[in-house]
C-alpha atoms as a PDB file:
ATOM      1  CA  MET A   1      66.255  -0.098   0.438  1.00  0.00           C
ATOM      2  CA  LYS A   2      65.620  -1.164   3.558  1.00  0.00           C
ATOM      3  CA  ARG A   3      67.797  -1.587   6.625  1.00  0.00           C
ATOM      4  CA  GLY A   4      68.221  -5.197   6.743  1.00  0.00           C
ATOM      5  CA  SER A   5      67.686  -6.351   3.601  1.00  0.00           C
ATOM      6  CA  HIS A   6      70.378  -7.407   0.941  1.00  0.00           C
ATOM      7  CA  ALA A   7      69.985  -6.625  -2.506  1.00  0.00           C
ATOM      8  CA  CYS A   8      71.086  -9.951  -4.333  1.00  0.00           C
ATOM      9  CA  PRO A   9      68.246 -12.276  -5.900  1.00  0.00           C
ATOM     10  CA  ALA A  10      67.655 -15.110  -3.416  1.00  0.00           C
ATOM     11  CA  SER A  11      67.687 -18.764  -5.438  1.00  0.00           C
ATOM     12  CA  ASP A  12      65.193 -21.087  -5.014  1.00  0.00           C
ATOM     13  CA  PRO A  13      66.092 -24.525  -3.211  1.00  0.00           C
ATOM     14  CA  GLN A  14      67.032 -26.315  -6.963  1.00  0.00           C
ATOM     15  CA  GLY A  15      69.282 -22.853  -7.640  1.00  0.00           C
ATOM     16  CA  ARG A  16      66.770 -20.859  -9.839  1.00  0.00           C
ATOM     17  CA  ARG A  17      66.808 -16.884  -9.173  1.00  0.00           C
ATOM     18  CA  SER A  18      63.917 -16.265  -7.214  1.00  0.00           C
ATOM     19  CA  GLY A  19      64.059 -12.277  -8.013  1.00  0.00           C
ATOM     20  CA  ARG A  20      63.314 -11.927  -4.084  1.00  0.00           C
ATOM     21  CA  VAL A  21      65.494  -9.999  -2.042  1.00  0.00           C
ATOM     22  CA  LEU A  22      66.726 -11.299   1.647  1.00  0.00           C
ATOM     23  CA  THR A  23      65.422 -10.756   4.541  1.00  0.00           C
ATOM     24  CA  SER A  24      68.164 -10.652   7.294  1.00  0.00           C
ATOM     25  CA  LEU A  25      68.520 -11.817  10.016  1.00  0.00           C
ATOM     26  CA  GLU A  26      71.342 -10.868  11.839  1.00  0.00           C
ATOM     27  CA  GLY A  27      69.958  -8.343  13.992  1.00  0.00           C
ATOM     28  CA  LYS A  28      68.178 -10.924  15.892  1.00  0.00           C
ATOM     29  CA  ALA A  29      69.915 -13.739  15.327  1.00  0.00           C
ATOM     30  CA  ALA A  30      73.282 -12.780  16.235  1.00  0.00           C
ATOM     31  CA  LEU A  31      74.479 -15.179  13.607  1.00  0.00           C
ATOM     32  CA  PRO A  32      75.346 -13.571   9.416  1.00  0.00           C
ATOM     33  CA  LEU A  33      72.101 -15.060   8.226  1.00  0.00           C
ATOM     34  CA  ALA A  34      69.358 -14.194   6.029  1.00  0.00           C
ATOM     35  CA  VAL A  35      66.105 -15.451   4.942  1.00  0.00           C
ATOM     36  CA  ASP A  36      64.753 -15.718   1.135  1.00  0.00           C
ATOM     37  CA  PRO A  37      61.044 -14.860   2.193  1.00  0.00           C
ATOM     38  CA  GLY A  38      58.929 -16.244  -0.699  1.00  0.00           C
ATOM     39  CA  THR A  39      61.171 -20.159  -0.633  1.00  0.00           C
ATOM     40  CA  GLY A  40      62.324 -19.966   2.936  1.00  0.00           C
ATOM     41  CA  ARG A  41      65.189 -20.762   2.965  1.00  0.00           C
ATOM     42  CA  LEU A  42      68.133 -19.748   4.985  1.00  0.00           C
ATOM     43  CA  GLU A  43      71.614 -17.800   3.660  1.00  0.00           C
ATOM     44  CA  PHE A  44      74.453 -19.056   5.471  1.00  0.00           C
ATOM     45  CA  ARG A  45      76.740 -15.232   5.123  1.00  0.00           C
ATOM     46  CA  GLY A  46      80.170 -14.552   7.028  1.00  0.00           C
ATOM     47  CA  GLY A  47      81.941 -18.033   7.060  1.00  0.00           C
ATOM     48  CA  LEU A  48      79.232 -19.315   9.333  1.00  0.00           C
ATOM     49  CA  PRO A  49      79.063 -22.897   8.148  1.00  0.00           C
ATOM     50  CA  PRO A  50      76.073 -24.249   5.613  1.00  0.00           C
ATOM     51  CA  VAL A  51      73.857 -26.275   7.216  1.00  0.00           C
ATOM     52  CA  THR A  52      70.917 -28.360   4.935  1.00  0.00           C
ATOM     53  CA  PRO A  53      67.970 -28.280   6.611  1.00  0.00           C
ATOM     54  CA  ALA A  54      64.767 -30.972   6.831  1.00  0.00           C
ATOM     55  CA  VAL A  55      62.180 -30.615   4.949  1.00  0.00           C
ATOM     56  CA  ARG A  56      58.965 -30.818   6.381  1.00  0.00           C
ATOM     57  CA  THR A  57      56.798 -32.008   3.718  1.00  0.00           C
ATOM     58  CA  LEU A  58      52.710 -32.261   2.870  1.00  0.00           C
ATOM     59  CA  ALA A  59      53.118 -35.895   2.517  1.00  0.00           C
ATOM     60  CA  GLU A  60      54.377 -36.540   6.199  1.00  0.00           C
ATOM     61  CA  MET A  61      52.443 -33.594   7.565  1.00  0.00           C
ATOM     62  CA  ARG A  62      48.986 -35.283   6.706  1.00  0.00           C
ATOM     63  CA  GLU A  63      48.121 -37.638   9.479  1.00  0.00           C
ATOM     64  CA  VAL A  64      48.195 -34.316  11.797  1.00  0.00           C
ATOM     65  CA  LEU A  65      45.781 -32.216   9.981  1.00  0.00           C
ATOM     66  CA  GLU A  66      42.369 -31.404  10.463  1.00  0.00           C
ATOM     67  CA  ASP A  67      41.840 -32.245   6.448  1.00  0.00           C
ATOM     68  CA  PRO A  68      44.369 -35.288   5.213  1.00  0.00           C
ATOM     69  CA  ALA A  69      44.041 -35.054   1.733  1.00  0.00           C
ATOM     70  CA  ALA A  70      43.320 -31.335   2.135  1.00  0.00           C
ATOM     71  CA  SER A  71      45.577 -29.445  -0.446  1.00  0.00           C
ATOM     72  CA  GLY A  72      48.701 -27.063   0.335  1.00  0.00           C
ATOM     73  CA  PRO A  73      52.614 -27.016  -1.315  1.00  0.00           C
ATOM     74  CA  ASP A  74      54.352 -29.675  -1.120  1.00  0.00           C
ATOM     75  CA  GLU A  75      57.260 -28.167   1.510  1.00  0.00           C
ATOM     76  CA  LEU A  76      55.592 -26.546   4.797  1.00  0.00           C
ATOM     77  CA  TYR A  77      58.893 -26.075   6.555  1.00  0.00           C
ATOM     78  CA  TYR A  78      62.817 -26.377   7.044  1.00  0.00           C
ATOM     79  CA  MET A  79      64.778 -27.753   9.737  1.00  0.00           C
ATOM     80  CA  TYR A  80      68.466 -26.470   9.986  1.00  0.00           C
ATOM     81  CA  ARG A  81      69.756 -27.922  12.966  1.00  0.00           C
ATOM     82  CA  ASP A  82      73.247 -27.304  15.008  1.00  0.00           C
ATOM     83  CA  VAL A  83      73.423 -24.137  13.421  1.00  0.00           C
ATOM     84  CA  GLY A  84      76.650 -22.445  14.278  1.00  0.00           C
ATOM     85  CA  PHE A  85      79.956 -21.091  14.183  1.00  0.00           C
ATOM     86  CA  PRO A  86      82.689 -24.561  15.386  1.00  0.00           C
ATOM     87  CA  GLN A  87      83.986 -22.687  18.478  1.00  0.00           C
ATOM     88  CA  ASP A  88      80.604 -21.990  19.591  1.00  0.00           C
ATOM     89  CA  ARG A  89      79.192 -25.813  18.435  1.00  0.00           C
ATOM     90  CA  GLU A  90      82.011 -27.189  20.125  1.00  0.00           C
ATOM     91  CA  ARG A  91      81.104 -25.051  23.940  1.00  0.00           C
ATOM     92  CA  LEU A  92      77.145 -25.774  23.141  1.00  0.00           C
ATOM     93  CA  HIS A  93      78.075 -29.397  22.927  1.00  0.00           C
ATOM     94  CA  ALA A  94      80.399 -29.776  25.641  1.00  0.00           C
ATOM     95  CA  HIS A  95      77.639 -28.526  27.270  1.00  0.00           C
ATOM     96  CA  GLY A  96      74.608 -30.909  26.529  1.00  0.00           C
ATOM     97  CA  LEU A  97      73.239 -28.420  23.966  1.00  0.00           C
ATOM     98  CA  ARG A  98      72.491 -27.168  20.936  1.00  0.00           C
ATOM     99  CA  TYR A  99      71.180 -24.588  18.535  1.00  0.00           C
ATOM    100  CA  ASP A 100      68.769 -24.691  15.591  1.00  0.00           C
ATOM    101  CA  ILE A 101      66.693 -22.848  13.280  1.00  0.00           C
ATOM    102  CA  THR A 102      63.152 -23.743  11.706  1.00  0.00           C
ATOM    103  CA  VAL A 103      61.671 -21.645   8.971  1.00  0.00           C
ATOM    104  CA  ILE A 104      57.987 -21.898   8.601  1.00  0.00           C
ATOM    105  CA  LEU A 105      56.116 -20.637   5.649  1.00  0.00           C
ATOM    106  CA  PRO A 106      53.137 -18.711   4.781  1.00  0.00           C
ATOM    107  CA  VAL A 107      50.780 -21.364   4.124  1.00  0.00           C
ATOM    108  CA  ARG A 108      47.797 -22.953   4.074  1.00  0.00           C
ATOM    109  CA  VAL A 109      46.390 -26.817   3.495  1.00  0.00           C
ATOM    110  CA  GLY A 110      43.361 -26.424   3.560  1.00  0.00           C
ATOM    111  CA  ARG A 111      41.703 -24.337   6.160  1.00  0.00           C
ATOM    112  CA  GLU A 112      44.454 -24.366   8.555  1.00  0.00           C
ATOM    113  CA  PHE A 113      47.829 -22.298   8.886  1.00  0.00           C
ATOM    114  CA  ALA A 114      51.117 -23.192   8.741  1.00  0.00           C
ATOM    115  CA  LYS A 115      51.929 -25.737  11.910  1.00  0.00           C
ATOM    116  CA  THR A 116      54.537 -28.199  13.002  1.00  0.00           C
ATOM    117  CA  ALA A 117      54.357 -31.604  13.357  1.00  0.00           C
ATOM    118  CA  GLY A 118      53.796 -31.575  16.439  1.00  0.00           C
ATOM    119  CA  HIS A 119      55.414 -33.471  19.720  1.00  0.00           C
ATOM    120  CA  TYR A 120      56.693 -34.423  22.959  1.00  0.00           C
ATOM    121  CA  HIS A 121      59.984 -34.569  24.596  1.00  0.00           C
ATOM    122  CA  PRO A 122      61.012 -37.754  26.759  1.00  0.00           C
ATOM    123  CA  ASP A 123      62.128 -38.236  30.188  1.00  0.00           C
ATOM    124  CA  VAL A 124      65.661 -37.213  31.477  1.00  0.00           C
ATOM    125  CA  PRO A 125      67.023 -40.219  32.351  1.00  0.00           C
ATOM    126  CA  GLY A 126      66.683 -40.547  35.807  1.00  0.00           C
ATOM    127  CA  ALA A 127      64.820 -37.993  36.587  1.00  0.00           C
ATOM    128  CA  ASN A 128      61.069 -38.576  35.520  1.00  0.00           C
ATOM    129  CA  LEU A 129      60.673 -35.101  33.791  1.00  0.00           C
ATOM    130  CA  PRO A 130      60.582 -34.023  31.060  1.00  0.00           C
ATOM    131  CA  TYR A 131      63.045 -31.703  29.234  1.00  0.00           C
ATOM    132  CA  PRO A 132      62.144 -28.557  28.265  1.00  0.00           C
ATOM    133  CA  GLU A 133      63.164 -26.690  25.405  1.00  0.00           C
ATOM    134  CA  ILE A 134      63.478 -22.933  24.576  1.00  0.00           C
ATOM    135  CA  TYR A 135      62.443 -21.057  21.185  1.00  0.00           C
ATOM    136  CA  GLU A 136      62.817 -17.409  19.978  1.00  0.00           C
ATOM    137  CA  VAL A 137      61.316 -15.351  17.460  1.00  0.00           C
ATOM    138  CA  LEU A 138      63.870 -14.330  14.771  1.00  0.00           C
ATOM    139  CA  HIS A 139      61.185 -12.811  12.323  1.00  0.00           C
ATOM    140  CA  GLY A 140      57.402 -12.644  11.829  1.00  0.00           C
ATOM    141  CA  THR A 141      54.908 -14.229  14.523  1.00  0.00           C
ATOM    142  CA  ALA A 142      54.804 -17.725  16.576  1.00  0.00           C
ATOM    143  CA  TRP A 143      52.310 -18.942  18.035  1.00  0.00           C
ATOM    144  CA  TYR A 144      53.359 -22.087  20.080  1.00  0.00           C
ATOM    145  CA  LEU A 145      50.066 -24.216  21.030  1.00  0.00           C
ATOM    146  CA  LEU A 146      50.957 -26.496  24.088  1.00  0.00           C
ATOM    147  CA  GLN A 147      48.865 -29.231  26.066  1.00  0.00           C
ATOM    148  CA  ARG A 148      49.825 -31.468  28.935  1.00  0.00           C
ATOM    149  CA  ARG A 149      48.968 -35.211  28.808  1.00  0.00           C
ATOM    150  CA  SER A 150      46.666 -35.941  31.678  1.00  0.00           C
ATOM    151  CA  GLY A 151      45.879 -39.954  30.962  1.00  0.00           C
ATOM    152  CA  ASP A 152      44.931 -40.527  27.683  1.00  0.00           C
ATOM    153  CA  GLY A 153      43.376 -37.216  27.160  1.00  0.00           C
ATOM    154  CA  VAL A 154      44.670 -33.281  27.867  1.00  0.00           C
ATOM    155  CA  SER A 155      44.358 -31.434  31.188  1.00  0.00           C
ATOM    156  CA  ASP A 156      45.838 -27.770  30.071  1.00  0.00           C
ATOM    157  CA  VAL A 157      46.274 -26.202  26.795  1.00  0.00           C
ATOM    158  CA  VAL A 158      48.259 -23.174  25.958  1.00  0.00           C
ATOM    159  CA  LEU A 159      48.407 -20.045  23.302  1.00  0.00           C
ATOM    160  CA  VAL A 160      51.991 -18.694  23.751  1.00  0.00           C
ATOM    161  CA  LYS A 161      52.088 -15.408  21.496  1.00  0.00           C
ATOM    162  CA  ALA A 162      55.654 -14.296  20.274  1.00  0.00           C
ATOM    163  CA  THR A 163      57.131 -11.710  17.899  1.00  0.00           C
ATOM    164  CA  PRO A 164      60.521 -11.255  17.142  1.00  0.00           C
ATOM    165  CA  GLY A 165      63.002 -11.150  20.090  1.00  0.00           C
ATOM    166  CA  ASP A 166      60.881 -13.033  22.769  1.00  0.00           C
ATOM    167  CA  LYS A 167      61.833 -16.363  24.230  1.00  0.00           C
ATOM    168  CA  VAL A 168      58.947 -19.181  24.683  1.00  0.00           C
ATOM    169  CA  LEU A 169      60.145 -22.398  27.313  1.00  0.00           C
ATOM    170  CA  ILE A 170      58.350 -25.109  26.559  1.00  0.00           C
ATOM    171  CA  PRO A 171      58.242 -26.816  30.233  1.00  0.00           C
ATOM    172  CA  PRO A 172      58.965 -30.257  31.121  1.00  0.00           C
ATOM    173  CA  GLY A 173      55.702 -32.496  30.290  1.00  0.00           C
ATOM    174  CA  TYR A 174      53.886 -30.273  27.006  1.00  0.00           C
ATOM    175  CA  GLY A 175      53.595 -30.897  23.711  1.00  0.00           C
ATOM    176  CA  HIS A 176      53.455 -28.455  21.987  1.00  0.00           C
ATOM    177  CA  ILE A 177      53.208 -27.333  17.743  1.00  0.00           C
ATOM    178  CA  THR A 178      54.429 -24.370  16.420  1.00  0.00           C
ATOM    179  CA  ILE A 179      51.577 -22.502  14.334  1.00  0.00           C
ATOM    180  CA  ASN A 180      52.485 -19.655  11.712  1.00  0.00           C
ATOM    181  CA  PRO A 181      49.486 -16.846  12.023  1.00  0.00           C
ATOM    182  CA  GLY A 182      50.831 -14.225  10.252  1.00  0.00           C
ATOM    183  CA  PRO A 183      51.091 -13.439   6.420  1.00  0.00           C
ATOM    184  CA  ASP A 184      55.355 -13.053   6.767  1.00  0.00           C
ATOM    185  CA  VAL A 185      57.811 -16.483   6.828  1.00  0.00           C
ATOM    186  CA  LEU A 186      58.354 -17.513  10.299  1.00  0.00           C
ATOM    187  CA  VAL A 187      61.741 -17.854  11.619  1.00  0.00           C
ATOM    188  CA  MET A 188      62.688 -19.159  14.736  1.00  0.00           C
ATOM    189  CA  SER A 189      65.606 -20.558  16.623  1.00  0.00           C
ATOM    190  CA  ASN A 190      65.231 -23.078  19.599  1.00  0.00           C
ATOM    191  CA  LEU A 191      67.788 -24.097  22.419  1.00  0.00           C
ATOM    192  CA  VAL A 192      67.727 -27.592  23.834  1.00  0.00           C
ATOM    193  CA  GLU A 193      69.404 -30.916  24.674  1.00  0.00           C
ATOM    194  CA  LYS A 194      71.652 -32.287  21.634  1.00  0.00           C
ATOM    195  CA  ASP A 195      70.574 -36.236  22.050  1.00  0.00           C
ATOM    196  CA  PHE A 196      66.699 -37.135  23.059  1.00  0.00           C
ATOM    197  CA  ARG A 197      64.886 -38.052  20.569  1.00  0.00           C
ATOM    198  CA  SER A 198      61.270 -36.352  20.206  1.00  0.00           C
ATOM    199  CA  LEU A 199      57.931 -37.863  20.586  1.00  0.00           C
ATOM    200  CA  TYR A 200      55.987 -37.776  17.346  1.00  0.00           C
ATOM    201  CA  GLU A 201      53.304 -40.685  17.877  1.00  0.00           C
ATOM    202  CA  PRO A 202      50.812 -38.917  20.106  1.00  0.00           C
ATOM    203  CA  TYR A 203      50.284 -36.283  18.023  1.00  0.00           C
ATOM    204  CA  ARG A 204      49.767 -38.575  14.729  1.00  0.00           C
ATOM    205  CA  LEU A 205      47.385 -41.230  16.775  1.00  0.00           C
ATOM    206  CA  ARG A 206      44.464 -38.067  17.462  1.00  0.00           C
ATOM    207  CA  ARG A 207      45.411 -36.520  14.115  1.00  0.00           C
ATOM    208  CA  GLY A 208      47.381 -33.459  15.655  1.00  0.00           C
ATOM    209  CA  GLY A 209      47.045 -31.873  18.851  1.00  0.00           C
ATOM    210  CA  ALA A 210      44.006 -30.835  20.987  1.00  0.00           C
ATOM    211  CA  TYR A 211      43.354 -27.638  18.949  1.00  0.00           C
ATOM    212  CA  TYR A 212      43.808 -26.394  15.156  1.00  0.00           C
ATOM    213  CA  CYS A 213      44.461 -23.234  13.734  1.00  0.00           C
ATOM    214  CA  VAL A 214      41.846 -22.601  10.415  1.00  0.00           C
ATOM    215  CA  THR A 215      41.105 -19.243   9.250  1.00  0.00           C
ATOM    216  CA  GLY A 216      37.363 -17.446  10.228  1.00  0.00           C
ATOM    217  CA  ASP A 217      35.115 -16.465   8.285  1.00  0.00           C
ATOM    218  CA  GLY A 218      37.148 -13.049   7.460  1.00  0.00           C
ATOM    219  CA  GLY A 219      40.081 -14.948   6.896  1.00  0.00           C
ATOM    220  CA  GLU A 220      41.425 -14.463  10.381  1.00  0.00           C
ATOM    221  CA  PRO A 221      43.288 -17.384  12.198  1.00  0.00           C
ATOM    222  CA  ARG A 222      40.398 -19.403  14.733  1.00  0.00           C
ATOM    223  CA  PHE A 223      40.386 -21.753  16.972  1.00  0.00           C
ATOM    224  CA  VAL A 224      38.464 -25.510  16.516  1.00  0.00           C
ATOM    225  CA  PRO A 225      38.794 -28.612  19.251  1.00  0.00           C
ATOM    226  CA  ASN A 226      40.248 -31.929  17.983  1.00  0.00           C
ATOM    227  CA  PRO A 227      37.017 -34.448  18.294  1.00  0.00           C
ATOM    228  CA  LEU A 228      39.404 -37.418  18.543  1.00  0.00           C
ATOM    229  CA  TYR A 229      40.698 -35.873  21.865  1.00  0.00           C
ATOM    230  CA  GLY A 230      37.187 -35.321  23.219  1.00  0.00           C
ATOM    231  CA  ALA A 231      36.577 -33.126  25.559  1.00  0.00           C
ATOM    232  CA  VAL A 232      39.419 -30.324  25.777  1.00  0.00           C
ATOM    233  CA  PRO A 233      40.127 -28.033  28.421  1.00  0.00           C
ATOM    234  CA  SER A 234      39.525 -24.395  27.042  1.00  0.00           C
ATOM    235  CA  LEU A 235      42.569 -22.647  25.310  1.00  0.00           C
ATOM    236  CA  ARG A 236      44.079 -20.110  27.827  1.00  0.00           C
ATOM    237  CA  VAL A 237      46.087 -17.295  25.861  1.00  0.00           C
ATOM    238  CA  VAL A 238      48.870 -15.742  27.168  1.00  0.00           C
ATOM    239  CA  SER A 239      52.054 -13.494  26.014  1.00  0.00           C
ATOM    240  CA  ALA A 240      55.974 -14.618  25.908  1.00  0.00           C
ATOM    241  CA  ALA A 241      57.648 -13.312  28.734  1.00  0.00           C
ATOM    242  CA  PRO A 242      60.912 -12.121  30.455  1.00  0.00           C
ATOM    243  CA  GLN A 243      62.545 -14.445  32.022  1.00  0.00           C
ATOM    244  CA  PRO A 244      66.322 -13.055  32.938  1.00  0.00           C
ATOM    245  CA  ASP A 245      67.144 -15.658  35.840  1.00  0.00           C
ATOM    246  CA  LEU A 246      66.944 -18.036  32.930  1.00  0.00           C
ATOM    247  CA  GLY A 247      68.708 -16.275  30.169  1.00  0.00           C
ATOM    248  CA  LEU A 248      65.162 -15.645  28.626  1.00  0.00           C
ATOM    249  CA  ASP A 249      65.749 -11.417  27.774  1.00  0.00           C
ATOM    250  CA  PRO A 250      64.039 -10.461  24.783  1.00  0.00           C
ATOM    251  CA  ALA A 251      66.799  -8.120  24.227  1.00  0.00           C
ATOM    252  CA  VAL A 252      69.570 -10.457  24.204  1.00  0.00           C
ATOM    253  CA  PRO A 253      70.184 -12.551  21.175  1.00  0.00           C
ATOM    254  CA  LEU A 254      69.623 -16.453  22.527  1.00  0.00           C
ATOM    255  CA  TYR A 255      72.869 -17.748  20.436  1.00  0.00           C
ATOM    256  CA  ARG A 256      74.904 -14.925  21.393  1.00  0.00           C
ATOM    257  CA  ALA A 257      74.198 -15.731  25.320  1.00  0.00           C
ATOM    258  CA  ALA A 258      74.220 -19.058  25.190  1.00  0.00           C
ATOM    259  CA  ALA A 259      77.726 -18.866  23.370  1.00  0.00           C
ATOM    260  CA  ALA A 260      79.051 -17.242  26.057  1.00  0.00           C
ATOM    261  CA  ASP A 261      77.562 -18.901  28.754  1.00  0.00           C
ATOM    262  CA  PRO A 262      75.761 -22.373  28.101  1.00  0.00           C
ATOM    263  CA  SER A 263      75.826 -22.896  31.516  1.00  0.00           C
ATOM    264  CA  ARG A 264      73.564 -20.543  32.388  1.00  0.00           C
ATOM    265  CA  TYR A 265      70.540 -22.572  30.164  1.00  0.00           C
ATOM    266  CA  ALA A 266      71.839 -26.321  31.774  1.00  0.00           C
ATOM    267  CA  TYR A 267      68.987 -26.899  33.344  1.00  0.00           C
ATOM    268  CA  LEU A 268      67.795 -27.840  29.684  1.00  0.00           C
ATOM    269  CA  VAL A 269      69.820 -30.576  30.215  1.00  0.00           C
ATOM    270  CA  ARG A 270      69.084 -31.320  33.742  1.00  0.00           C
ATOM    271  CA  PRO A 271      65.629 -29.696  34.180  1.00  0.00           C
ATOM    272  CA  GLN A 272      65.222 -31.105  38.038  1.00  0.00           C
ATOM    273  CA  GLU A 273      67.519 -28.369  39.513  1.00  0.00           C
ATOM    274  CA  ARG A 274      65.542 -25.595  38.540  1.00  0.00           C
ATOM    275  CA  GLY A 275      62.047 -27.367  39.699  1.00  0.00           C
ATOM    276  CA  GLU A 276      58.438 -24.740  39.172  1.00  0.00           C
ATOM    277  CA  ALA A 277      60.737 -22.205  37.781  1.00  0.00           C
ATOM    278  CA  LEU A 278      60.630 -23.150  34.664  1.00  0.00           C
ATOM    279  CA  MET A 279      56.671 -23.933  34.703  1.00  0.00           C
ATOM    280  CA  ARG A 280      55.928 -19.637  35.288  1.00  0.00           C
ATOM    281  CA  GLY A 281      55.735 -19.248  31.162  1.00  0.00           C
ATOM    282  CA  VAL A 282      52.881 -21.272  31.144  1.00  0.00           C
ATOM    283  CA  ALA A 283      51.152 -20.073  34.788  1.00  0.00           C
ATOM    284  CA  GLY A 284      47.388 -18.493  34.612  1.00  0.00           C
END
């Protein structure tokens, strides 16, 4: 048996035995969790309180797809919000923070690779600056498609490629979509201000982001511009880079770091205190 696997067969959402081996996430997440690579459902272990996920369905995603009539599986990804041991959750909440986990299946909808719906963040009250957010890859490969609004269009589009252990900071002012371009289920965590409501409407109005990630002639992912944006900037590609001063260290799980010292991530609640340091991850 491979290290990090669990011998017991997994169950699907209806409780039927899937016969698959669960993949442990404990090494990267610092939490007793495993994922069923077939169903995308998490198993909570070691006394970790289970969380019922919100399910993003194909029906809900049609308004942000390249082809709204495309066929695909009924369920595309799962959002587990406010994950953690009670004492850690209380500590994070006291600092205005919340830790979530999202699981994106390795599927296609038409010729598009699986993705999240996409959203922007609202402004911090009184600061005229949107909230940032941190993502961390726990399993699989994540491509974060970031775009910065400018009037009715976008002034910058950046693709950040990340693999397990990588942390990606979504800077203030950037909307974002997460794409699963690989053959494996994608599991990622995020740390964010606990109360704000994401802004999905700008993506719905343009039927998705500035670019779609679609299957090329050889099956490889490629990007095509979304015509509803008109002219769009060329896509810049960067790799996730460590930012230790912001608590973004690939060697330290985000949950462990945040639970031990939530004050390190105060900039997620008050980004105005860190200014331009929050833009380094998308610098060209």
